[in-house]
Amino acid sequence: MAKVSEDYFDSSARKAETVLGWNRQSVQLGLDERRTGIVCVDNYQARGRHKSIEILPNLESDIRSLVEQGVTRIFSVVFSLMLYNQFFGNICLYCERLSNFHLRW
């Protein structure tokens, strides 16, 4: 990029951006590297999302405790719903039988 910019665009990153559609900062970085002889090294690997275990070291134990609590809660809710359905389901069946019985007479 820098060599093309030097040869055809009078070392102008702006002209290279306009004509070729290149990123002006990238062209300017290349021009500066050629001018000084120092290659700028980017720490590319440090970018992006880090592993969650590095950010939150207690995450695994927290999730395990939540799951253990949640399992007991889920069982209690399911058991309550089963009892509720069994109790009220039997009442509804009983009422339905009574209504059918009265409708037959």
N, C-alpha and C. Protein backbone atom coordinates (compact mmCIF):
# COMPACT_ATOMS: atom_id res chain seq x y z
N MET A 1 0.83 -1.19 0.00
CA MET A 1 0.00 0.00 0.00
C MET A 1 0.87 1.26 0.00
N ALA A 2 1.86 1.25 0.88
CA ALA A 2 2.70 2.44 1.00
C ALA A 2 3.48 2.68 -0.28
N LYS A 3 4.02 1.61 -0.87
CA LYS A 3 4.80 1.75 -2.10
C LYS A 3 3.93 2.28 -3.23
N VAL A 4 2.73 1.78 -3.37
CA VAL A 4 1.81 2.25 -4.42
C VAL A 4 1.46 3.72 -4.16
N SER A 5 1.20 4.04 -2.90
CA SER A 5 0.86 5.41 -2.55
C SER A 5 2.02 6.35 -2.85
N GLU A 6 3.25 5.92 -2.58
CA GLU A 6 4.42 6.75 -2.88
C GLU A 6 4.59 6.93 -4.38
N ASP A 7 4.42 5.83 -5.14
CA ASP A 7 4.68 5.88 -6.57
C ASP A 7 3.61 6.63 -7.35
N TYR A 8 2.35 6.45 -6.99
CA TYR A 8 1.28 6.97 -7.83
C TYR A 8 0.48 8.12 -7.22
N PHE A 9 0.56 8.31 -5.91
CA PHE A 9 -0.28 9.32 -5.27
C PHE A 9 0.52 10.31 -4.43
N ASP A 10 1.80 10.51 -4.74
CA ASP A 10 2.65 11.48 -4.04
C ASP A 10 2.66 11.28 -2.53
N SER A 11 2.70 10.02 -2.12
CA SER A 11 2.70 9.66 -0.69
C SER A 11 1.51 10.23 0.07
N SER A 12 0.37 10.29 -0.61
CA SER A 12 -0.84 10.82 0.01
C SER A 12 -1.80 9.68 0.33
N ALA A 13 -2.02 9.46 1.61
CA ALA A 13 -2.96 8.43 2.03
C ALA A 13 -4.39 8.81 1.64
N ARG A 14 -4.67 10.09 1.66
CA ARG A 14 -6.01 10.56 1.31
C ARG A 14 -6.34 10.27 -0.15
N LYS A 15 -5.37 10.51 -1.04
CA LYS A 15 -5.60 10.23 -2.45
C LYS A 15 -5.77 8.72 -2.70
N ALA A 16 -4.95 7.91 -2.02
CA ALA A 16 -5.07 6.46 -2.17
C ALA A 16 -6.43 5.99 -1.67
N GLU A 17 -6.90 6.61 -0.61
CA GLU A 17 -8.23 6.26 -0.09
C GLU A 17 -9.32 6.62 -1.10
N THR A 18 -9.22 7.80 -1.66
CA THR A 18 -10.25 8.26 -2.59
C THR A 18 -10.27 7.44 -3.87
N VAL A 19 -9.11 7.20 -4.44
CA VAL A 19 -9.05 6.53 -5.73
C VAL A 19 -9.22 5.01 -5.60
N LEU A 20 -8.53 4.40 -4.65
CA LEU A 20 -8.51 2.95 -4.56
C LEU A 20 -9.47 2.39 -3.50
N GLY A 21 -9.98 3.25 -2.62
CA GLY A 21 -10.90 2.81 -1.58
C GLY A 21 -10.22 2.15 -0.41
N TRP A 22 -8.92 2.35 -0.27
CA TRP A 22 -8.18 1.76 0.84
C TRP A 22 -8.42 2.56 2.12
N ASN A 23 -8.21 1.93 3.23
CA ASN A 23 -8.34 2.60 4.52
C ASN A 23 -7.19 3.59 4.69
N ARG A 24 -7.53 4.84 4.95
CA ARG A 24 -6.52 5.88 5.03
C ARG A 24 -5.53 5.64 6.18
N GLN A 25 -6.03 5.17 7.33
CA GLN A 25 -5.13 4.93 8.47
C GLN A 25 -4.14 3.82 8.16
N SER A 26 -4.59 2.80 7.43
CA SER A 26 -3.68 1.70 7.07
C SER A 26 -2.60 2.18 6.11
N VAL A 27 -3.00 2.99 5.14
CA VAL A 27 -2.02 3.53 4.19
C VAL A 27 -1.04 4.44 4.92
N GLN A 28 -1.54 5.28 5.81
CA GLN A 28 -0.66 6.19 6.55
C GLN A 28 0.30 5.41 7.44
N LEU A 29 -0.16 4.34 8.05
CA LEU A 29 0.71 3.50 8.87
C LEU A 29 1.82 2.90 8.01
N GLY A 30 1.46 2.41 6.83
CA GLY A 30 2.47 1.86 5.93
C GLY A 30 3.47 2.90 5.49
N LEU A 31 3.00 4.11 5.20
CA LEU A 31 3.90 5.20 4.81
C LEU A 31 4.86 5.55 5.95
N ASP A 32 4.32 5.59 7.18
CA ASP A 32 5.17 5.90 8.33
C ASP A 32 6.19 4.79 8.58
N GLU A 33 5.79 3.55 8.40
CA GLU A 33 6.73 2.43 8.56
C GLU A 33 7.85 2.51 7.53
N ARG A 34 7.52 2.83 6.28
CA ARG A 34 8.55 2.94 5.24
C ARG A 34 9.46 4.13 5.50
N ARG A 35 8.89 5.21 5.99
CA ARG A 35 9.69 6.42 6.24
C ARG A 35 10.67 6.22 7.39
N THR A 36 10.21 5.59 8.49
CA THR A 36 11.06 5.44 9.67
C THR A 36 11.86 4.15 9.67
N GLY A 37 11.38 3.13 8.98
CA GLY A 37 12.05 1.83 8.99
C GLY A 37 11.64 0.98 10.18
N ILE A 38 10.76 1.48 11.01
CA ILE A 38 10.29 0.74 12.18
C ILE A 38 8.94 0.10 11.84
N VAL A 39 8.87 -1.21 12.01
CA VAL A 39 7.63 -1.92 11.72
C VAL A 39 6.78 -1.91 12.98
N CYS A 40 5.56 -1.43 12.84
CA CYS A 40 4.62 -1.38 13.97
C CYS A 40 3.97 -2.76 14.11
N VAL A 41 4.14 -3.36 15.28
CA VAL A 41 3.59 -4.68 15.54
C VAL A 41 2.30 -4.50 16.32
N ASP A 42 1.25 -5.14 15.83
CA ASP A 42 -0.04 -5.04 16.48
C ASP A 42 -0.26 -6.26 17.36
N ASN A 43 -0.78 -6.05 18.53
CA ASN A 43 -1.09 -7.17 19.44
C ASN A 43 -2.49 -7.68 19.11
N TYR A 44 -2.61 -8.29 17.95
CA TYR A 44 -3.90 -8.73 17.43
C TYR A 44 -4.54 -9.80 18.30
N GLN A 45 -3.73 -10.67 18.90
CA GLN A 45 -4.27 -11.76 19.69
C GLN A 45 -4.93 -11.28 20.97
N ALA A 46 -4.58 -10.09 21.43
CA ALA A 46 -5.16 -9.59 22.67
C ALA A 46 -6.55 -9.00 22.45
N ARG A 47 -6.93 -8.83 21.21
CA ARG A 47 -8.25 -8.27 20.92
C ARG A 47 -9.33 -9.32 21.07
N GLY A 48 -10.56 -8.87 21.07
CA GLY A 48 -11.68 -9.78 21.05
C GLY A 48 -12.12 -10.18 22.44
N ARG A 49 -13.02 -11.12 22.44
CA ARG A 49 -13.60 -11.57 23.71
C ARG A 49 -12.65 -12.56 24.37
N HIS A 50 -12.42 -12.35 25.65
CA HIS A 50 -11.59 -13.26 26.42
C HIS A 50 -12.45 -14.41 26.93
N LYS A 51 -11.81 -15.49 27.34
CA LYS A 51 -12.54 -16.63 27.87
C LYS A 51 -13.24 -16.21 29.15
N SER A 52 -14.46 -16.67 29.31
CA SER A 52 -15.25 -16.27 30.47
C SER A 52 -14.64 -16.76 31.77
N ILE A 53 -13.92 -17.86 31.72
CA ILE A 53 -13.30 -18.38 32.94
C ILE A 53 -12.16 -17.46 33.38
N GLU A 54 -11.56 -16.72 32.44
CA GLU A 54 -10.51 -15.76 32.80
C GLU A 54 -11.12 -14.50 33.41
N ILE A 55 -12.26 -14.09 32.90
CA ILE A 55 -12.90 -12.88 33.40
C ILE A 55 -13.59 -13.15 34.73
N LEU A 56 -14.29 -14.28 34.83
CA LEU A 56 -15.04 -14.64 36.04
C LEU A 56 -14.55 -16.01 36.54
N PRO A 57 -13.54 -16.04 37.38
CA PRO A 57 -12.98 -17.32 37.79
C PRO A 57 -13.94 -18.18 38.61
N ASN A 58 -14.93 -17.61 39.27
CA ASN A 58 -15.88 -18.37 40.08
C ASN A 58 -17.12 -18.78 39.30
N LEU A 59 -17.12 -18.60 38.01
CA LEU A 59 -18.31 -18.83 37.21
C LEU A 59 -18.80 -20.27 37.29
N GLU A 60 -17.91 -21.22 37.19
CA GLU A 60 -18.32 -22.62 37.19
C GLU A 60 -19.00 -23.00 38.51
N SER A 61 -18.42 -22.61 39.62
CA SER A 61 -19.03 -22.95 40.91
C SER A 61 -20.36 -22.22 41.10
N ASP A 62 -20.45 -20.98 40.61
CA ASP A 62 -21.72 -20.24 40.71
C ASP A 62 -22.82 -20.92 39.90
N ILE A 63 -22.49 -21.36 38.70
CA ILE A 63 -23.48 -22.03 37.86
C ILE A 63 -23.92 -23.34 38.50
N ARG A 64 -22.95 -24.09 39.04
CA ARG A 64 -23.30 -25.35 39.69
C ARG A 64 -24.24 -25.13 40.87
N SER A 65 -23.97 -24.10 41.68
CA SER A 65 -24.85 -23.85 42.83
C SER A 65 -26.24 -23.41 42.38
N LEU A 66 -26.31 -22.60 41.32
CA LEU A 66 -27.62 -22.19 40.80
C LEU A 66 -28.40 -23.38 40.25
N VAL A 67 -27.70 -24.27 39.56
CA VAL A 67 -28.37 -25.43 39.00
C VAL A 67 -28.89 -26.33 40.11
N GLU A 68 -28.05 -26.52 41.14
CA GLU A 68 -28.50 -27.37 42.25
C GLU A 68 -29.71 -26.77 42.94
N GLN A 69 -29.71 -25.46 43.14
CA GLN A 69 -30.88 -24.80 43.75
C GLN A 69 -32.07 -24.87 42.82
N GLY A 70 -31.82 -24.66 41.54
CA GLY A 70 -32.90 -24.67 40.56
C GLY A 70 -33.54 -26.03 40.42
N VAL A 71 -32.75 -27.09 40.52
CA VAL A 71 -33.30 -28.44 40.38
C VAL A 71 -34.27 -28.71 41.53
N THR A 72 -33.89 -28.34 42.74
CA THR A 72 -34.79 -28.57 43.86
C THR A 72 -36.05 -27.71 43.72
N ARG A 73 -35.89 -26.50 43.23
CA ARG A 73 -37.07 -25.65 43.02
C ARG A 73 -37.97 -26.21 41.94
N ILE A 74 -37.36 -26.69 40.87
CA ILE A 74 -38.16 -27.24 39.78
C ILE A 74 -38.93 -28.46 40.26
N PHE A 75 -38.27 -29.33 41.03
CA PHE A 75 -38.98 -30.50 41.54
C PHE A 75 -40.12 -30.10 42.46
N SER A 76 -39.91 -29.09 43.28
CA SER A 76 -40.99 -28.68 44.18
C SER A 76 -42.15 -28.08 43.40
N VAL A 77 -41.86 -27.31 42.35
CA VAL A 77 -42.93 -26.71 41.53
C VAL A 77 -43.67 -27.80 40.78
N VAL A 78 -42.93 -28.74 40.19
CA VAL A 78 -43.57 -29.82 39.44
C VAL A 78 -44.44 -30.67 40.36
N PHE A 79 -43.92 -30.98 41.54
CA PHE A 79 -44.68 -31.77 42.50
C PHE A 79 -45.95 -31.03 42.91
N SER A 80 -45.84 -29.71 43.15
CA SER A 80 -47.01 -28.92 43.51
C SER A 80 -48.04 -28.93 42.39
N LEU A 81 -47.57 -28.78 41.16
CA LEU A 81 -48.50 -28.80 40.02
C LEU A 81 -49.16 -30.17 39.87
N MET A 82 -48.40 -31.23 40.12
CA MET A 82 -49.00 -32.56 40.04
C MET A 82 -50.09 -32.74 41.08
N LEU A 83 -49.81 -32.30 42.31
CA LEU A 83 -50.82 -32.39 43.35
C LEU A 83 -52.04 -31.54 43.01
N TYR A 84 -51.79 -30.33 42.53
CA TYR A 84 -52.88 -29.42 42.16
C TYR A 84 -53.74 -30.04 41.07
N ASN A 85 -53.09 -30.54 40.02
CA ASN A 85 -53.84 -31.15 38.92
C ASN A 85 -54.59 -32.39 39.36
N GLN A 86 -53.95 -33.17 40.22
CA GLN A 86 -54.61 -34.39 40.69
C GLN A 86 -55.83 -34.04 41.53
N PHE A 87 -55.67 -33.07 42.43
CA PHE A 87 -56.77 -32.70 43.31
C PHE A 87 -57.90 -32.06 42.52
N PHE A 88 -57.57 -30.99 41.77
CA PHE A 88 -58.62 -30.28 41.04
C PHE A 88 -59.10 -31.06 39.82
N GLY A 89 -58.23 -31.87 39.27
CA GLY A 89 -58.66 -32.72 38.16
C GLY A 89 -59.72 -33.70 38.62
N ASN A 90 -59.51 -34.28 39.82
CA ASN A 90 -60.51 -35.21 40.37
C ASN A 90 -61.80 -34.49 40.68
N ILE A 91 -61.71 -33.27 41.18
CA ILE A 91 -62.92 -32.50 41.46
C ILE A 91 -63.66 -32.20 40.17
N CYS A 92 -62.91 -31.82 39.13
CA CYS A 92 -63.55 -31.51 37.85
C CYS A 92 -64.20 -32.77 37.26
N LEU A 93 -63.52 -33.90 37.37
CA LEU A 93 -64.12 -35.14 36.89
C LEU A 93 -65.39 -35.47 37.68
N TYR A 94 -65.34 -35.28 38.98
CA TYR A 94 -66.50 -35.52 39.83
C TYR A 94 -67.65 -34.60 39.44
N CYS A 95 -67.34 -33.31 39.22
CA CYS A 95 -68.39 -32.36 38.81
C CYS A 95 -68.95 -32.73 37.44
N GLU A 96 -68.10 -33.17 36.56
CA GLU A 96 -68.54 -33.55 35.23
C GLU A 96 -69.46 -34.77 35.31
N ARG A 97 -69.10 -35.71 36.15
CA ARG A 97 -69.96 -36.90 36.33
C ARG A 97 -71.31 -36.50 36.91
N LEU A 98 -71.28 -35.58 37.88
CA LEU A 98 -72.55 -35.14 38.46
C LEU A 98 -73.41 -34.42 37.44
N SER A 99 -72.77 -33.57 36.64
CA SER A 99 -73.56 -32.83 35.65
C SER A 99 -74.11 -33.77 34.59
N ASN A 100 -73.33 -34.74 34.20
CA ASN A 100 -73.84 -35.73 33.23
C ASN A 100 -74.96 -36.56 33.85
N PHE A 101 -74.80 -36.88 35.10
CA PHE A 101 -75.83 -37.65 35.78
C PHE A 101 -77.14 -36.86 35.85
N HIS A 102 -77.04 -35.59 36.17
CA HIS A 102 -78.26 -34.77 36.28
C HIS A 102 -78.86 -34.50 34.90
N LEU A 103 -78.02 -34.42 33.89
CA LEU A 103 -78.56 -34.16 32.56
C LEU A 103 -79.31 -35.35 32.01
N ARG A 104 -78.97 -36.55 32.45
CA ARG A 104 -79.64 -37.75 31.96
C ARG A 104 -81.08 -37.84 32.49
N TRP A 105 -81.31 -37.32 33.66
CA TRP A 105 -82.64 -37.43 34.25
C TRP A 105 -83.51 -36.45 33.59
